Amino acid sequence: MSEEKLYLYPMWLRLWHWTNALLFLVLIITGLSLQYSGVEGAFIRFDIAVTYHNIAGIILTISFAFFLVANRISGNRKFYKVKRKGFIKRLMKQFRYYIYGVFVGEPKPYPVSEKRKFNPLQKLSYIVVMFGFMPLIIITGFGLLFPEINLENVFGVAGIYLTVLLHITVGFGLSVFMIVHIYFCTFGKTVGSEFKSMFTGWH
């Protein structure tokens, strides 16, 4: 039996998604260049990397604010709601599928439907990323852009140092998420079907 065709990704969501993807690439490339700049030079000239990193960060902030507003007024936020009862059990079931079931042809334990866009592991990771990591990377980013707003000292450690450390750590976490996200997108009906959905809107 063929799967039902569902329109799950409206135009605003697709535009936001691809804008974010492009911004992430710019931020990762320029961020790595800044992180590993040395006296001999860098992959990208330091001043250019700083400029593009800051511009991409500001646009990402605007994009995130747009997502929060659009997510609320469009009704898309319903897909992020978690039913606590049995959630850990559902997580473990999905985890087992990812490390075993998908490789032996087992059916998806939580297939996409009109009411369920994300499986339990996707839902948890998106909640952590969108409502945890994203605010942190933006706040610490502005802390580096305007260092005067940082606390001078936190338990004997310079506030700016903690801001840098948190920014780099969260940035690394988001970079790993992006790689894993791309990999899991190949688990669709075909290797490219999930990517096609984010272009057409149809699952």
N, C-alpha and C. Protein backbone atom coordinates (compact mmCIF):
# COMPACT_ATOMS: atom_id res chain seq x y z
N MET A 1 0.85 -1.20 0.00
CA MET A 1 0.00 0.00 0.00
C MET A 1 0.88 1.24 0.00
N SER A 2 0.62 2.20 -0.88
CA SER A 2 1.43 3.41 -0.96
C SER A 2 1.10 4.36 0.19
N GLU A 3 2.11 5.13 0.59
CA GLU A 3 1.91 6.07 1.68
C GLU A 3 1.06 7.25 1.22
N GLU A 4 0.33 7.82 2.17
CA GLU A 4 -0.50 8.98 1.86
C GLU A 4 0.40 10.19 1.63
N LYS A 5 0.08 10.98 0.63
CA LYS A 5 0.85 12.18 0.34
C LYS A 5 0.36 13.31 1.23
N LEU A 6 1.28 13.89 2.00
CA LEU A 6 0.92 14.91 2.97
C LEU A 6 1.68 16.20 2.72
N TYR A 7 0.97 17.33 2.81
CA TYR A 7 1.63 18.64 2.67
C TYR A 7 1.99 19.12 4.07
N LEU A 8 3.25 18.90 4.47
CA LEU A 8 3.66 19.17 5.84
C LEU A 8 4.61 20.36 5.98
N TYR A 9 5.15 20.83 4.86
CA TYR A 9 6.16 21.88 4.93
C TYR A 9 5.73 23.09 4.11
N PRO A 10 5.00 24.03 4.74
CA PRO A 10 4.53 25.22 4.00
C PRO A 10 5.71 26.08 3.53
N MET A 11 5.42 26.99 2.64
CA MET A 11 6.45 27.81 2.01
C MET A 11 7.31 28.56 3.03
N TRP A 12 6.67 29.15 4.06
CA TRP A 12 7.45 29.92 5.04
C TRP A 12 8.46 29.04 5.76
N LEU A 13 8.07 27.80 6.04
CA LEU A 13 8.94 26.87 6.75
C LEU A 13 10.12 26.44 5.88
N ARG A 14 9.83 26.21 4.60
CA ARG A 14 10.90 25.80 3.69
C ARG A 14 11.90 26.92 3.47
N LEU A 15 11.41 28.15 3.29
CA LEU A 15 12.31 29.30 3.11
C LEU A 15 13.16 29.51 4.36
N TRP A 16 12.52 29.40 5.53
CA TRP A 16 13.26 29.56 6.78
C TRP A 16 14.31 28.46 6.92
N HIS A 17 13.94 27.23 6.59
CA HIS A 17 14.84 26.09 6.72
C HIS A 17 16.10 26.27 5.87
N TRP A 18 15.94 26.60 4.58
CA TRP A 18 17.09 26.74 3.69
C TRP A 18 17.90 27.98 4.00
N THR A 19 17.24 29.04 4.47
CA THR A 19 17.98 30.23 4.91
C THR A 19 18.87 29.86 6.09
N ASN A 20 18.31 29.13 7.04
CA ASN A 20 19.08 28.69 8.20
C ASN A 20 20.25 27.81 7.80
N ALA A 21 20.02 26.90 6.86
CA ALA A 21 21.08 25.99 6.41
C ALA A 21 22.25 26.78 5.83
N LEU A 22 21.94 27.78 5.00
CA LEU A 22 22.98 28.61 4.39
C LEU A 22 23.73 29.41 5.46
N LEU A 23 22.98 29.99 6.40
CA LEU A 23 23.60 30.77 7.47
C LEU A 23 24.50 29.90 8.34
N PHE A 24 24.05 28.68 8.63
CA PHE A 24 24.85 27.75 9.43
C PHE A 24 26.17 27.43 8.74
N LEU A 25 26.12 27.22 7.43
CA LEU A 25 27.35 26.93 6.69
C LEU A 25 28.32 28.10 6.78
N VAL A 26 27.82 29.31 6.60
CA VAL A 26 28.67 30.50 6.70
C VAL A 26 29.25 30.62 8.10
N LEU A 27 28.42 30.40 9.12
CA LEU A 27 28.87 30.53 10.51
C LEU A 27 29.88 29.44 10.87
N ILE A 28 29.67 28.23 10.39
CA ILE A 28 30.61 27.15 10.69
C ILE A 28 31.96 27.41 10.03
N ILE A 29 31.95 27.78 8.75
CA ILE A 29 33.21 28.01 8.02
C ILE A 29 33.98 29.19 8.60
N THR A 30 33.28 30.31 8.82
CA THR A 30 33.96 31.49 9.38
C THR A 30 34.35 31.26 10.83
N GLY A 31 33.50 30.54 11.57
CA GLY A 31 33.82 30.26 12.97
C GLY A 31 35.06 29.40 13.12
N LEU A 32 35.18 28.37 12.27
CA LEU A 32 36.37 27.52 12.29
C LEU A 32 37.61 28.32 11.93
N SER A 33 37.47 29.21 10.95
CA SER A 33 38.60 30.04 10.54
C SER A 33 39.05 30.94 11.69
N LEU A 34 38.08 31.53 12.41
CA LEU A 34 38.41 32.39 13.55
C LEU A 34 39.03 31.58 14.68
N GLN A 35 38.49 30.40 14.92
CA GLN A 35 38.96 29.56 16.02
C GLN A 35 40.41 29.13 15.83
N TYR A 36 40.76 28.86 14.58
CA TYR A 36 42.09 28.32 14.32
C TYR A 36 43.01 29.30 13.59
N SER A 37 42.70 30.59 13.72
CA SER A 37 43.58 31.61 13.17
C SER A 37 44.90 31.62 13.94
N GLY A 38 45.97 31.79 13.22
CA GLY A 38 47.29 31.86 13.86
C GLY A 38 48.10 33.00 13.29
N VAL A 39 49.31 33.14 13.77
CA VAL A 39 50.16 34.25 13.31
C VAL A 39 50.51 34.09 11.83
N GLU A 40 50.48 32.85 11.34
CA GLU A 40 50.80 32.63 9.92
C GLU A 40 49.63 32.94 9.00
N GLY A 41 48.47 33.18 9.58
CA GLY A 41 47.31 33.48 8.76
C GLY A 41 46.16 32.55 9.08
N ALA A 42 45.13 32.57 8.24
CA ALA A 42 43.95 31.75 8.47
C ALA A 42 43.36 31.34 7.13
N PHE A 43 42.44 30.39 7.20
CA PHE A 43 41.76 29.92 5.99
C PHE A 43 41.06 31.10 5.29
N ILE A 44 40.42 31.95 6.09
CA ILE A 44 39.80 33.18 5.60
C ILE A 44 40.46 34.34 6.35
N ARG A 45 40.78 35.41 5.66
CA ARG A 45 41.41 36.56 6.32
C ARG A 45 40.61 36.98 7.54
N PHE A 46 41.28 37.22 8.65
CA PHE A 46 40.62 37.40 9.94
C PHE A 46 39.51 38.44 9.90
N ASP A 47 39.78 39.63 9.35
CA ASP A 47 38.77 40.69 9.36
C ASP A 47 37.55 40.34 8.52
N ILE A 48 37.80 39.61 7.42
CA ILE A 48 36.69 39.19 6.56
C ILE A 48 35.85 38.14 7.28
N ALA A 49 36.51 37.18 7.95
CA ALA A 49 35.80 36.13 8.69
C ALA A 49 34.95 36.75 9.80
N VAL A 50 35.49 37.73 10.52
CA VAL A 50 34.74 38.41 11.59
C VAL A 50 33.50 39.09 11.02
N THR A 51 33.69 39.82 9.92
CA THR A 51 32.57 40.56 9.33
C THR A 51 31.44 39.63 8.90
N TYR A 52 31.78 38.57 8.15
CA TYR A 52 30.75 37.66 7.65
C TYR A 52 30.13 36.84 8.77
N HIS A 53 30.93 36.50 9.78
CA HIS A 53 30.39 35.77 10.93
C HIS A 53 29.37 36.62 11.67
N ASN A 54 29.69 37.88 11.87
CA ASN A 54 28.77 38.79 12.57
C ASN A 54 27.50 39.03 11.78
N ILE A 55 27.65 39.25 10.48
CA ILE A 55 26.47 39.50 9.63
C ILE A 55 25.55 38.28 9.63
N ALA A 56 26.14 37.10 9.44
CA ALA A 56 25.34 35.86 9.43
C ALA A 56 24.67 35.64 10.77
N GLY A 57 25.37 35.97 11.87
CA GLY A 57 24.80 35.82 13.20
C GLY A 57 23.60 36.72 13.44
N ILE A 58 23.69 37.95 12.96
CA ILE A 58 22.58 38.89 13.11
C ILE A 58 21.37 38.43 12.29
N ILE A 59 21.63 37.98 11.05
CA ILE A 59 20.53 37.49 10.20
C ILE A 59 19.91 36.24 10.83
N LEU A 60 20.76 35.38 11.42
CA LEU A 60 20.24 34.17 12.09
C LEU A 60 19.33 34.55 13.26
N THR A 61 19.68 35.59 13.98
CA THR A 61 18.85 36.07 15.09
C THR A 61 17.47 36.50 14.59
N ILE A 62 17.47 37.25 13.49
CA ILE A 62 16.21 37.70 12.89
C ILE A 62 15.40 36.50 12.41
N SER A 63 16.10 35.55 11.78
CA SER A 63 15.45 34.33 11.28
C SER A 63 14.83 33.53 12.42
N PHE A 64 15.53 33.46 13.55
CA PHE A 64 15.02 32.71 14.69
C PHE A 64 13.78 33.38 15.28
N ALA A 65 13.80 34.71 15.35
CA ALA A 65 12.64 35.45 15.84
C ALA A 65 11.44 35.22 14.92
N PHE A 66 11.70 35.21 13.61
CA PHE A 66 10.64 34.92 12.64
C PHE A 66 10.06 33.53 12.87
N PHE A 67 10.95 32.55 13.10
CA PHE A 67 10.50 31.17 13.33
C PHE A 67 9.58 31.10 14.54
N LEU A 68 9.96 31.74 15.64
CA LEU A 68 9.15 31.69 16.86
C LEU A 68 7.75 32.25 16.63
N VAL A 69 7.68 33.37 15.91
CA VAL A 69 6.39 34.00 15.63
C VAL A 69 5.57 33.14 14.66
N ALA A 70 6.19 32.75 13.55
CA ALA A 70 5.49 31.95 12.53
C ALA A 70 5.07 30.59 13.07
N ASN A 71 5.93 30.00 13.89
CA ASN A 71 5.63 28.70 14.48
C ASN A 71 4.38 28.77 15.35
N ARG A 72 4.23 29.89 16.03
CA ARG A 72 3.08 30.05 16.93
C ARG A 72 1.79 30.34 16.16
N ILE A 73 1.83 31.30 15.24
CA ILE A 73 0.60 31.72 14.58
C ILE A 73 0.15 30.74 13.49
N SER A 74 1.08 29.90 12.99
CA SER A 74 0.71 28.96 11.93
C SER A 74 0.15 27.65 12.47
N GLY A 75 0.35 27.41 13.75
CA GLY A 75 -0.08 26.14 14.33
C GLY A 75 0.98 25.06 14.24
N ASN A 76 2.14 25.37 13.66
CA ASN A 76 3.21 24.38 13.52
C ASN A 76 3.76 23.94 14.88
N ARG A 77 3.54 24.74 15.91
CA ARG A 77 4.08 24.43 17.24
C ARG A 77 3.48 23.13 17.81
N LYS A 78 2.34 22.71 17.29
CA LYS A 78 1.69 21.49 17.82
C LYS A 78 2.59 20.27 17.64
N PHE A 79 3.48 20.31 16.64
CA PHE A 79 4.35 19.17 16.38
C PHE A 79 5.47 19.05 17.41
N TYR A 80 5.67 20.10 18.21
CA TYR A 80 6.74 20.09 19.22
C TYR A 80 6.22 19.70 20.61
N LYS A 81 4.91 19.52 20.74
CA LYS A 81 4.36 19.18 22.04
C LYS A 81 4.69 17.73 22.39
N VAL A 82 5.09 17.52 23.65
CA VAL A 82 5.51 16.19 24.10
C VAL A 82 4.49 15.61 25.08
N LYS A 83 4.05 14.39 24.80
CA LYS A 83 3.22 13.66 25.75
C LYS A 83 4.17 12.92 26.68
N ARG A 84 4.21 13.34 27.94
CA ARG A 84 5.21 12.80 28.87
C ARG A 84 5.04 11.32 29.17
N LYS A 85 3.82 10.87 29.27
CA LYS A 85 3.57 9.48 29.62
C LYS A 85 4.11 8.55 28.54
N GLY A 86 5.05 7.70 28.91
CA GLY A 86 5.62 6.74 27.98
C GLY A 86 6.64 7.31 27.01
N PHE A 87 7.07 8.57 27.23
CA PHE A 87 7.97 9.21 26.27
C PHE A 87 9.33 8.51 26.21
N ILE A 88 9.88 8.13 27.37
CA ILE A 88 11.18 7.46 27.40
C ILE A 88 11.11 6.13 26.65
N LYS A 89 10.01 5.42 26.84
CA LYS A 89 9.83 4.14 26.15
C LYS A 89 9.79 4.36 24.64
N ARG A 90 9.10 5.42 24.20
CA ARG A 90 9.03 5.72 22.77
C ARG A 90 10.40 6.13 22.23
N LEU A 91 11.17 6.85 23.04
CA LEU A 91 12.53 7.23 22.64
C LEU A 91 13.39 6.00 22.40
N MET A 92 13.33 5.06 23.34
CA MET A 92 14.13 3.85 23.23
C MET A 92 13.73 3.02 22.01
N LYS A 93 12.44 3.00 21.72
CA LYS A 93 11.94 2.26 20.56
C LYS A 93 12.47 2.87 19.26
N GLN A 94 12.47 4.20 19.21
CA GLN A 94 12.98 4.88 18.02
C GLN A 94 14.50 4.72 17.91
N PHE A 95 15.18 4.78 19.05
CA PHE A 95 16.64 4.62 19.07
C PHE A 95 17.03 3.24 18.55
N ARG A 96 16.29 2.22 19.00
CA ARG A 96 16.55 0.87 18.52
C ARG A 96 16.38 0.78 17.01
N TYR A 97 15.36 1.46 16.49
CA TYR A 97 15.11 1.45 15.05
C TYR A 97 16.30 2.05 14.30
N TYR A 98 16.83 3.16 14.82
CA TYR A 98 17.93 3.84 14.15
C TYR A 98 19.22 3.02 14.15
N ILE A 99 19.47 2.26 15.22
CA ILE A 99 20.73 1.52 15.29
C ILE A 99 20.60 0.08 14.78
N TYR A 100 19.36 -0.38 14.57
CA TYR A 100 19.19 -1.76 14.10
C TYR A 100 18.08 -1.91 13.05
N GLY A 101 16.87 -1.49 13.41
CA GLY A 101 15.71 -1.74 12.56
C GLY A 101 15.83 -1.21 11.15
N VAL A 102 16.37 -0.01 10.99
CA VAL A 102 16.46 0.59 9.66
C VAL A 102 17.37 -0.22 8.73
N PHE A 103 18.34 -0.93 9.32
CA PHE A 103 19.30 -1.68 8.51
C PHE A 103 18.81 -3.08 8.13
N VAL A 104 17.73 -3.53 8.76
CA VAL A 104 17.19 -4.86 8.44
C VAL A 104 15.79 -4.75 7.82
N GLY A 105 15.40 -3.52 7.46
CA GLY A 105 14.14 -3.34 6.75
C GLY A 105 12.89 -3.33 7.59
N GLU A 106 13.02 -3.09 8.90
CA GLU A 106 11.83 -3.02 9.76
C GLU A 106 11.03 -1.76 9.42
N PRO A 107 9.70 -1.80 9.58
CA PRO A 107 8.89 -0.59 9.34
C PRO A 107 9.18 0.45 10.41
N LYS A 108 9.00 1.72 10.06
CA LYS A 108 9.23 2.79 11.02
C LYS A 108 8.25 2.67 12.18
N PRO A 109 8.74 2.77 13.42
CA PRO A 109 7.83 2.64 14.57
C PRO A 109 6.87 3.83 14.69
N TYR A 110 7.30 5.00 14.19
CA TYR A 110 6.46 6.20 14.26
C TYR A 110 6.48 6.92 12.92
N PRO A 111 5.75 6.37 11.94
CA PRO A 111 5.74 6.99 10.61
C PRO A 111 5.09 8.36 10.64
N VAL A 112 5.47 9.18 9.69
CA VAL A 112 4.93 10.53 9.58
C VAL A 112 3.45 10.47 9.25
N SER A 113 2.68 11.33 9.89
CA SER A 113 1.25 11.42 9.61
C SER A 113 0.85 12.89 9.68
N GLU A 114 -0.40 13.15 9.42
CA GLU A 114 -0.89 14.54 9.46
C GLU A 114 -0.76 15.14 10.85
N LYS A 115 -0.82 14.29 11.88
CA LYS A 115 -0.75 14.76 13.26
C LYS A 115 0.65 14.59 13.87
N ARG A 116 1.52 13.81 13.20
CA ARG A 116 2.84 13.56 13.76
C ARG A 116 3.90 13.74 12.67
N LYS A 117 4.58 14.88 12.74
CA LYS A 117 5.63 15.17 11.77
C LYS A 117 6.97 14.59 12.21
N PHE A 118 7.20 14.53 13.53
CA PHE A 118 8.48 14.09 14.06
C PHE A 118 8.34 12.80 14.87
N ASN A 119 9.34 11.94 14.77
CA ASN A 119 9.38 10.79 15.67
C ASN A 119 9.91 11.28 17.02
N PRO A 120 9.85 10.46 18.07
CA PRO A 120 10.24 10.93 19.41
C PRO A 120 11.66 11.49 19.51
N LEU A 121 12.63 10.85 18.86
CA LEU A 121 14.01 11.35 18.92
C LEU A 121 14.16 12.66 18.16
N GLN A 122 13.49 12.78 17.03
CA GLN A 122 13.51 14.04 16.29
C GLN A 122 12.92 15.16 17.14
N LYS A 123 11.78 14.87 17.75
CA LYS A 123 11.09 15.88 18.55
C LYS A 123 11.98 16.37 19.69
N LEU A 124 12.61 15.43 20.41
CA LEU A 124 13.48 15.81 21.51
C LEU A 124 14.67 16.63 21.03
N SER A 125 15.30 16.19 19.95
CA SER A 125 16.48 16.92 19.44
C SER A 125 16.10 18.30 18.92
N TYR A 126 14.96 18.43 18.25
CA TYR A 126 14.54 19.73 17.74
C TYR A 126 14.18 20.69 18.88
N ILE A 127 13.58 20.16 19.92
CA ILE A 127 13.25 21.00 21.08
C ILE A 127 14.53 21.52 21.74
N VAL A 128 15.50 20.62 21.93
CA VAL A 128 16.77 21.01 22.55
C VAL A 128 17.48 22.05 21.68
N VAL A 129 17.51 21.80 20.37
CA VAL A 129 18.22 22.71 19.46
C VAL A 129 17.51 24.05 19.33
N MET A 130 16.21 24.02 19.05
CA MET A 130 15.49 25.26 18.75
C MET A 130 15.19 26.09 19.99
N PHE A 131 14.95 25.45 21.12
CA PHE A 131 14.56 26.22 22.31
C PHE A 131 15.61 26.20 23.41
N GLY A 132 16.75 25.56 23.13
CA GLY A 132 17.85 25.53 24.08
C GLY A 132 19.12 26.10 23.47
N PHE A 133 19.64 25.39 22.47
CA PHE A 133 20.90 25.80 21.85
C PHE A 133 20.81 27.11 21.08
N MET A 134 19.73 27.30 20.33
CA MET A 134 19.62 28.52 19.52
C MET A 134 19.61 29.80 20.38
N PRO A 135 18.80 29.87 21.43
CA PRO A 135 18.88 31.07 22.29
C PRO A 135 20.27 31.26 22.89
N LEU A 136 20.93 30.15 23.27
CA LEU A 136 22.27 30.25 23.87
C LEU A 136 23.30 30.77 22.88
N ILE A 137 23.27 30.27 21.64
CA ILE A 137 24.26 30.70 20.64
C ILE A 137 24.04 32.16 20.28
N ILE A 138 22.77 32.60 20.27
CA ILE A 138 22.46 34.00 19.95
C ILE A 138 22.88 34.92 21.09
N ILE A 139 22.54 34.56 22.32
CA ILE A 139 22.89 35.40 23.49
C ILE A 139 24.40 35.52 23.64
N THR A 140 25.11 34.40 23.54
CA THR A 140 26.57 34.44 23.68
C THR A 140 27.20 35.16 22.50
N GLY A 141 26.59 35.04 21.31
CA GLY A 141 27.09 35.75 20.14
C GLY A 141 27.03 37.25 20.34
N PHE A 142 25.92 37.73 20.87
CA PHE A 142 25.81 39.16 21.15
C PHE A 142 26.74 39.57 22.29
N GLY A 143 27.01 38.63 23.20
CA GLY A 143 27.97 38.90 24.27
C GLY A 143 29.37 39.12 23.73
N LEU A 144 29.69 38.45 22.63
CA LEU A 144 31.00 38.64 22.00
C LEU A 144 31.01 39.86 21.09
N LEU A 145 29.86 40.15 20.50
CA LEU A 145 29.76 41.33 19.63
C LEU A 145 29.80 42.61 20.44
N PHE A 146 29.22 42.55 21.65
CA PHE A 146 29.22 43.70 22.57
C PHE A 146 29.78 43.25 23.91
N PRO A 147 31.10 43.10 24.02
CA PRO A 147 31.72 42.53 25.23
C PRO A 147 31.43 43.29 26.51
N GLU A 148 31.05 44.56 26.39
CA GLU A 148 30.77 45.36 27.59
C GLU A 148 29.54 44.88 28.35
N ILE A 149 28.68 44.07 27.71
CA ILE A 149 27.47 43.61 28.40
C ILE A 149 27.71 42.35 29.22
N ASN A 150 28.90 41.74 29.09
CA ASN A 150 29.20 40.53 29.85
C ASN A 150 29.49 40.87 31.32
N LEU A 151 29.22 39.90 32.20
CA LEU A 151 29.61 40.04 33.59
C LEU A 151 31.13 40.08 33.66
N GLU A 152 31.67 40.91 34.54
CA GLU A 152 33.13 41.02 34.64
C GLU A 152 33.75 39.76 35.20
N ASN A 153 33.06 39.16 36.18
CA ASN A 153 33.67 38.03 36.87
C ASN A 153 32.58 37.08 37.37
N VAL A 154 32.78 35.78 37.14
CA VAL A 154 31.85 34.76 37.61
C VAL A 154 32.65 33.71 38.37
N PHE A 155 32.51 33.72 39.70
CA PHE A 155 33.25 32.79 40.55
C PHE A 155 34.75 32.79 40.24
N GLY A 156 35.29 33.97 40.07
CA GLY A 156 36.72 34.11 39.84
C GLY A 156 37.17 33.93 38.41
N VAL A 157 36.23 33.68 37.49
CA VAL A 157 36.57 33.50 36.08
C VAL A 157 36.01 34.67 35.28
N ALA A 158 36.80 35.20 34.36
CA ALA A 158 36.37 36.34 33.54
C ALA A 158 35.11 35.99 32.77
N GLY A 159 34.11 36.89 32.83
CA GLY A 159 32.84 36.65 32.16
C GLY A 159 32.99 36.46 30.66
N ILE A 160 33.89 37.23 30.04
CA ILE A 160 34.08 37.14 28.59
C ILE A 160 34.62 35.76 28.21
N TYR A 161 35.48 35.19 29.08
CA TYR A 161 36.03 33.86 28.82
C TYR A 161 34.92 32.81 28.84
N LEU A 162 34.01 32.92 29.81
CA LEU A 162 32.90 31.96 29.90
C LEU A 162 31.97 32.11 28.70
N THR A 163 31.79 33.34 28.25
CA THR A 163 30.94 33.59 27.08
C THR A 163 31.55 32.93 25.84
N VAL A 164 32.85 33.11 25.67
CA VAL A 164 33.55 32.49 24.53
C VAL A 164 33.44 30.97 24.60
N LEU A 165 33.70 30.42 25.77
CA LEU A 165 33.67 28.96 25.95
C LEU A 165 32.28 28.39 25.65
N LEU A 166 31.24 29.07 26.15
CA LEU A 166 29.88 28.59 25.92
C LEU A 166 29.50 28.73 24.45
N HIS A 167 29.92 29.81 23.82
CA HIS A 167 29.60 30.04 22.40
C HIS A 167 30.24 28.96 21.53
N ILE A 168 31.49 28.65 21.78
CA ILE A 168 32.20 27.64 21.00
C ILE A 168 31.60 26.26 21.23
N THR A 169 31.29 25.95 22.50
CA THR A 169 30.74 24.63 22.84
C THR A 169 29.38 24.42 22.18
N VAL A 170 28.51 25.42 22.28
CA VAL A 170 27.18 25.31 21.67
C VAL A 170 27.30 25.27 20.15
N GLY A 171 28.22 26.07 19.60
CA GLY A 171 28.45 26.06 18.16
C GLY A 171 28.89 24.69 17.67
N PHE A 172 29.75 24.03 18.44
CA PHE A 172 30.20 22.68 18.10
C PHE A 172 29.01 21.71 18.15
N GLY A 173 28.19 21.84 19.19
CA GLY A 173 27.02 20.98 19.32
C GLY A 173 26.05 21.15 18.15
N LEU A 174 25.84 22.38 17.71
CA LEU A 174 24.95 22.65 16.58
C LEU A 174 25.54 22.11 15.28
N SER A 175 26.87 22.17 15.15
CA SER A 175 27.53 21.65 13.96
C SER A 175 27.36 20.13 13.88
N VAL A 176 27.51 19.45 15.02
CA VAL A 176 27.31 18.01 15.07
C VAL A 176 25.86 17.67 14.73
N PHE A 177 24.93 18.45 15.30
CA PHE A 177 23.51 18.23 15.01
C PHE A 177 23.23 18.34 13.52
N MET A 178 23.84 19.32 12.86
CA MET A 178 23.60 19.52 11.44
C MET A 178 24.07 18.32 10.63
N ILE A 179 25.23 17.76 10.98
CA ILE A 179 25.76 16.59 10.28
C ILE A 179 24.84 15.38 10.49
N VAL A 180 24.43 15.15 11.75
CA VAL A 180 23.55 14.02 12.06
C VAL A 180 22.20 14.20 11.39
N HIS A 181 21.70 15.43 11.39
CA HIS A 181 20.42 15.75 10.76
C HIS A 181 20.44 15.39 9.27
N ILE A 182 21.52 15.76 8.59
CA ILE A 182 21.65 15.46 7.16
C ILE A 182 21.71 13.95 6.94
N TYR A 183 22.44 13.25 7.80
CA TYR A 183 22.55 11.79 7.67
C TYR A 183 21.19 11.12 7.85
N PHE A 184 20.45 11.52 8.89
CA PHE A 184 19.15 10.90 9.15
C PHE A 184 18.14 11.21 8.05
N CYS A 185 18.35 12.31 7.34
CA CYS A 185 17.45 12.65 6.24
C CYS A 185 17.58 11.66 5.08
N THR A 186 18.64 10.87 5.07
CA THR A 186 18.79 9.85 4.02
C THR A 186 18.01 8.59 4.33
N PHE A 187 17.32 8.56 5.50
CA PHE A 187 16.57 7.37 5.91
C PHE A 187 15.13 7.38 5.39
N GLY A 188 14.85 8.19 4.41
CA GLY A 188 13.50 8.26 3.86
C GLY A 188 13.21 7.08 2.94
N LYS A 189 12.12 7.18 2.21
CA LYS A 189 11.72 6.10 1.29
C LYS A 189 12.83 5.85 0.28
N THR A 190 13.47 6.94 -0.17
CA THR A 190 14.69 6.87 -0.97
C THR A 190 15.70 7.80 -0.30
N VAL A 191 16.95 7.73 -0.72
CA VAL A 191 18.00 8.56 -0.11
C VAL A 191 17.67 10.05 -0.23
N GLY A 192 17.03 10.44 -1.33
CA GLY A 192 16.78 11.87 -1.55
C GLY A 192 15.36 12.33 -1.28
N SER A 193 14.46 11.42 -0.87
CA SER A 193 13.04 11.80 -0.74
C SER A 193 12.81 12.84 0.34
N GLU A 194 13.54 12.75 1.48
CA GLU A 194 13.35 13.72 2.55
C GLU A 194 13.83 15.11 2.13
N PHE A 195 14.91 15.16 1.35
CA PHE A 195 15.42 16.44 0.86
C PHE A 195 14.44 17.05 -0.14
N LYS A 196 13.85 16.20 -0.98
CA LYS A 196 12.88 16.66 -1.95
C LYS A 196 11.67 17.28 -1.24
N SER A 197 11.26 16.67 -0.11
CA SER A 197 10.12 17.19 0.64
C SER A 197 10.33 18.63 1.10
N MET A 198 11.57 18.97 1.43
CA MET A 198 11.85 20.32 1.91
C MET A 198 11.94 21.32 0.77
N PHE A 199 11.89 20.83 -0.46
CA PHE A 199 11.81 21.72 -1.62
C PHE A 199 10.36 21.87 -2.09
N THR A 200 9.62 20.76 -2.06
CA THR A 200 8.25 20.78 -2.60
C THR A 200 7.19 21.03 -1.52
N GLY A 201 7.49 20.66 -0.28
CA GLY A 201 6.51 20.79 0.79
C GLY A 201 5.72 19.51 1.04
N TRP A 202 5.83 18.56 0.11
CA TRP A 202 5.04 17.33 0.21
C TRP A 202 5.87 16.17 0.74
N HIS A 203 5.31 15.45 1.70
CA HIS A 203 5.95 14.23 2.20
C HIS A 203 5.25 13.03 1.58
